[in-house]
Amino acid sequence: MRTNDTKGRMLCIIIGVYLIAKAVLNMVIGGGFSFSDMFIAAGLAVMLLTGFKYFNYMAAAVLAVIALIYLPQNISNIGTNWLYLIEGILDIGCAVLLCVQKNIRQHFTKTVTINN
């Protein structure tokens, strides 16, 4: 796939792999298959690979919202849920990276054109 920045694309691939690995880890820890978690992780990974304009901000918003929704629960059970708190911190870090890292922003400069 042709993109505007190969380093930015590689960072997006790393973030996408992290998201899918996190969904699998949560299934193993939670003891059951969660179609919605895997669907969200795969959808975000695909968004990150496309390089379309503003998809980085949309993916960052989803990551931040999910992390903030679970933050109170993760803090209240910090003694037993420290792994989930670390995941939340990594999610926020990925969201910030998607918004501010220059190579990632350069990767997301493709536009959609419709030909008749």
C-alpha atoms as a PDB file:
ATOM      1  CA  MET A   1       0.000   0.000   0.000  1.00  0.00           C
ATOM      2  CA  ARG A   2       1.374   3.403  -0.990  1.00  0.00           C
ATOM      3  CA  THR A   3       1.445   5.960   1.811  1.00  0.00           C
ATOM      4  CA  ASN A   4       3.014   9.344   2.318  1.00  0.00           C
ATOM      5  CA  ASP A   5       5.272   8.294   5.193  1.00  0.00           C
ATOM      6  CA  THR A   6       6.670   4.804   5.739  1.00  0.00           C
ATOM      7  CA  LYS A   7       7.813   5.473   9.323  1.00  0.00           C
ATOM      8  CA  GLY A   8       4.349   6.750  10.206  1.00  0.00           C
ATOM      9  CA  ARG A   9       2.783   3.668   8.603  1.00  0.00           C
ATOM     10  CA  MET A  10       5.113   1.387  10.603  1.00  0.00           C
ATOM     11  CA  LEU A  11       4.142   3.140  13.847  1.00  0.00           C
ATOM     12  CA  CYS A  12       0.465   2.695  12.923  1.00  0.00           C
ATOM     13  CA  ILE A  13       1.072  -1.013  12.280  1.00  0.00           C
ATOM     14  CA  ILE A  14       2.675  -1.326  15.723  1.00  0.00           C
ATOM     15  CA  ILE A  15      -0.309   0.415  17.343  1.00  0.00           C
ATOM     16  CA  GLY A  16      -2.720  -1.825  15.378  1.00  0.00           C
ATOM     17  CA  VAL A  17      -0.887  -4.978  16.483  1.00  0.00           C
ATOM     18  CA  TYR A  18      -0.993  -3.712  20.078  1.00  0.00           C
ATOM     19  CA  LEU A  19      -4.763  -3.187  19.854  1.00  0.00           C
ATOM     20  CA  ILE A  20      -5.405  -6.688  18.512  1.00  0.00           C
ATOM     21  CA  ALA A  21      -2.999  -8.261  21.043  1.00  0.00           C
ATOM     22  CA  LYS A  22      -4.766  -6.345  23.832  1.00  0.00           C
ATOM     23  CA  ALA A  23      -8.153  -7.680  22.695  1.00  0.00           C
ATOM     24  CA  VAL A  24      -6.795 -11.238  22.645  1.00  0.00           C
ATOM     25  CA  LEU A  25      -5.179 -10.787  26.087  1.00  0.00           C
ATOM     26  CA  ASN A  26      -8.449  -9.456  27.509  1.00  0.00           C
ATOM     27  CA  MET A  27     -10.266 -12.502  26.093  1.00  0.00           C
ATOM     28  CA  VAL A  28      -7.753 -14.823  27.755  1.00  0.00           C
ATOM     29  CA  ILE A  29      -7.932 -12.993  31.082  1.00  0.00           C
ATOM     30  CA  GLY A  30     -11.707 -12.531  30.902  1.00  0.00           C
ATOM     31  CA  GLY A  31     -12.252 -16.157  30.012  1.00  0.00           C
ATOM     32  CA  GLY A  32     -14.486 -15.675  26.982  1.00  0.00           C
ATOM     33  CA  PHE A  33     -14.619 -14.466  23.407  1.00  0.00           C
ATOM     34  CA  SER A  34     -15.777 -10.885  23.024  1.00  0.00           C
ATOM     35  CA  PHE A  35     -16.804 -10.215  19.436  1.00  0.00           C
ATOM     36  CA  SER A  36     -17.258  -6.498  20.079  1.00  0.00           C
ATOM     37  CA  ASP A  37     -13.754  -6.006  21.513  1.00  0.00           C
ATOM     38  CA  MET A  38     -12.166  -7.870  18.611  1.00  0.00           C
ATOM     39  CA  PHE A  39     -14.333  -5.998  16.089  1.00  0.00           C
ATOM     40  CA  ILE A  40     -13.340  -2.619  17.542  1.00  0.00           C
ATOM     41  CA  ALA A  41      -9.639  -3.557  17.641  1.00  0.00           C
ATOM     42  CA  ALA A  42      -9.668  -4.868  14.059  1.00  0.00           C
ATOM     43  CA  GLY A  43     -11.632  -1.842  12.846  1.00  0.00           C
ATOM     44  CA  LEU A  44      -9.184   0.561  14.449  1.00  0.00           C
ATOM     45  CA  ALA A  45      -6.227  -1.372  13.011  1.00  0.00           C
ATOM     46  CA  VAL A  46      -7.722  -1.134   9.512  1.00  0.00           C
ATOM     47  CA  MET A  47      -8.356   2.591  10.001  1.00  0.00           C
ATOM     48  CA  LEU A  48      -4.720   3.049  10.973  1.00  0.00           C
ATOM     49  CA  LEU A  49      -3.486   1.200   7.894  1.00  0.00           C
ATOM     50  CA  THR A  50      -5.504   3.169   5.351  1.00  0.00           C
ATOM     51  CA  GLY A  51      -3.821   6.523   5.892  1.00  0.00           C
ATOM     52  CA  PHE A  52      -6.987   8.461   5.021  1.00  0.00           C
ATOM     53  CA  LYS A  53      -7.190  12.015   6.253  1.00  0.00           C
ATOM     54  CA  TYR A  54      -8.488  12.437   9.829  1.00  0.00           C
ATOM     55  CA  PHE A  55      -8.682   8.681  10.536  1.00  0.00           C
ATOM     56  CA  ASN A  56      -5.868   9.123  13.060  1.00  0.00           C
ATOM     57  CA  TYR A  57      -7.996  11.578  15.033  1.00  0.00           C
ATOM     58  CA  MET A  58     -11.031   9.293  14.907  1.00  0.00           C
ATOM     59  CA  ALA A  59      -8.985   6.315  16.125  1.00  0.00           C
ATOM     60  CA  ALA A  60      -7.401   8.456  18.854  1.00  0.00           C
ATOM     61  CA  ALA A  61     -10.838   9.605  20.010  1.00  0.00           C
ATOM     62  CA  VAL A  62     -12.112   6.013  20.256  1.00  0.00           C
ATOM     63  CA  LEU A  63      -9.013   4.945  22.227  1.00  0.00           C
ATOM     64  CA  ALA A  64      -9.295   7.896  24.596  1.00  0.00           C
ATOM     65  CA  VAL A  65     -13.020   7.421  25.196  1.00  0.00           C
ATOM     66  CA  ILE A  66     -12.610   3.707  25.936  1.00  0.00           C
ATOM     67  CA  ALA A  67      -9.706   4.397  28.310  1.00  0.00           C
ATOM     68  CA  LEU A  68     -11.637   7.143  30.112  1.00  0.00           C
ATOM     69  CA  ILE A  69     -14.776   5.010  30.445  1.00  0.00           C
ATOM     70  CA  TYR A  70     -12.843   2.248  32.216  1.00  0.00           C
ATOM     71  CA  LEU A  71     -10.512   4.547  34.209  1.00  0.00           C
ATOM     72  CA  PRO A  72     -12.646   4.820  37.395  1.00  0.00           C
ATOM     73  CA  GLN A  73     -13.140   1.049  37.510  1.00  0.00           C
ATOM     74  CA  ASN A  74      -9.432   0.416  36.955  1.00  0.00           C
ATOM     75  CA  ILE A  75      -8.387   2.899  39.644  1.00  0.00           C
ATOM     76  CA  SER A  76     -10.867   1.573  42.218  1.00  0.00           C
ATOM     77  CA  ASN A  77      -9.533  -1.971  41.792  1.00  0.00           C
ATOM     78  CA  ILE A  78      -5.886  -1.025  41.369  1.00  0.00           C
ATOM     79  CA  GLY A  79      -4.694  -3.805  43.675  1.00  0.00           C
ATOM     80  CA  THR A  80      -6.057  -6.530  41.421  1.00  0.00           C
ATOM     81  CA  ASN A  81      -6.484  -4.706  38.089  1.00  0.00           C
ATOM     82  CA  TRP A  82      -3.067  -3.085  37.628  1.00  0.00           C
ATOM     83  CA  LEU A  83      -2.774  -4.723  34.184  1.00  0.00           C
ATOM     84  CA  TYR A  84      -5.951  -2.971  33.034  1.00  0.00           C
ATOM     85  CA  LEU A  85      -4.656   0.349  34.363  1.00  0.00           C
ATOM     86  CA  ILE A  86      -1.442  -0.116  32.353  1.00  0.00           C
ATOM     87  CA  GLU A  87      -3.552  -0.876  29.265  1.00  0.00           C
ATOM     88  CA  GLY A  88      -5.476   2.352  29.810  1.00  0.00           C
ATOM     89  CA  ILE A  89      -2.276   4.344  30.111  1.00  0.00           C
ATOM     90  CA  LEU A  90      -0.954   2.741  26.913  1.00  0.00           C
ATOM     91  CA  ASP A  91      -4.243   3.530  25.157  1.00  0.00           C
ATOM     92  CA  ILE A  92      -3.959   7.209  26.115  1.00  0.00           C
ATOM     93  CA  GLY A  93      -0.316   7.184  25.003  1.00  0.00           C
ATOM     94  CA  CYS A  94      -1.290   5.726  21.617  1.00  0.00           C
ATOM     95  CA  ALA A  95      -4.059   8.322  21.256  1.00  0.00           C
ATOM     96  CA  VAL A  96      -1.620  11.154  21.940  1.00  0.00           C
ATOM     97  CA  LEU A  97       0.908   9.633  19.539  1.00  0.00           C
ATOM     98  CA  LEU A  98      -1.715   9.423  16.799  1.00  0.00           C
ATOM     99  CA  CYS A  99      -2.428  13.128  17.179  1.00  0.00           C
ATOM    100  CA  VAL A 100       0.999  14.697  17.659  1.00  0.00           C
ATOM    101  CA  GLN A 101       3.695  12.514  16.064  1.00  0.00           C
ATOM    102  CA  LYS A 102       4.695  14.155  12.765  1.00  0.00           C
ATOM    103  CA  ASN A 103       5.360  10.944  10.813  1.00  0.00           C
ATOM    104  CA  ILE A 104       1.983   9.527  11.800  1.00  0.00           C
ATOM    105  CA  ARG A 105       0.252  12.779  10.837  1.00  0.00           C
ATOM    106  CA  GLN A 106       2.058  12.689   7.478  1.00  0.00           C
ATOM    107  CA  HIS A 107       0.841   9.099   6.960  1.00  0.00           C
ATOM    108  CA  PHE A 108      -2.767  10.306   7.265  1.00  0.00           C
ATOM    109  CA  THR A 109      -2.823  12.672   4.283  1.00  0.00           C
ATOM    110  CA  LYS A 110      -4.590  10.515   1.676  1.00  0.00           C
ATOM    111  CA  THR A 111      -7.886  11.848   0.391  1.00  0.00           C
ATOM    112  CA  VAL A 112     -10.810   9.984  -1.088  1.00  0.00           C
ATOM    113  CA  THR A 113     -11.564  10.813  -4.702  1.00  0.00           C
ATOM    114  CA  ILE A 114     -14.679   9.707  -6.520  1.00  0.00           C
ATOM    115  CA  ASN A 115     -14.365   9.172 -10.264  1.00  0.00           C
ATOM    116  CA  ASN A 116     -17.479   9.126 -12.449  1.00  0.00           C
END
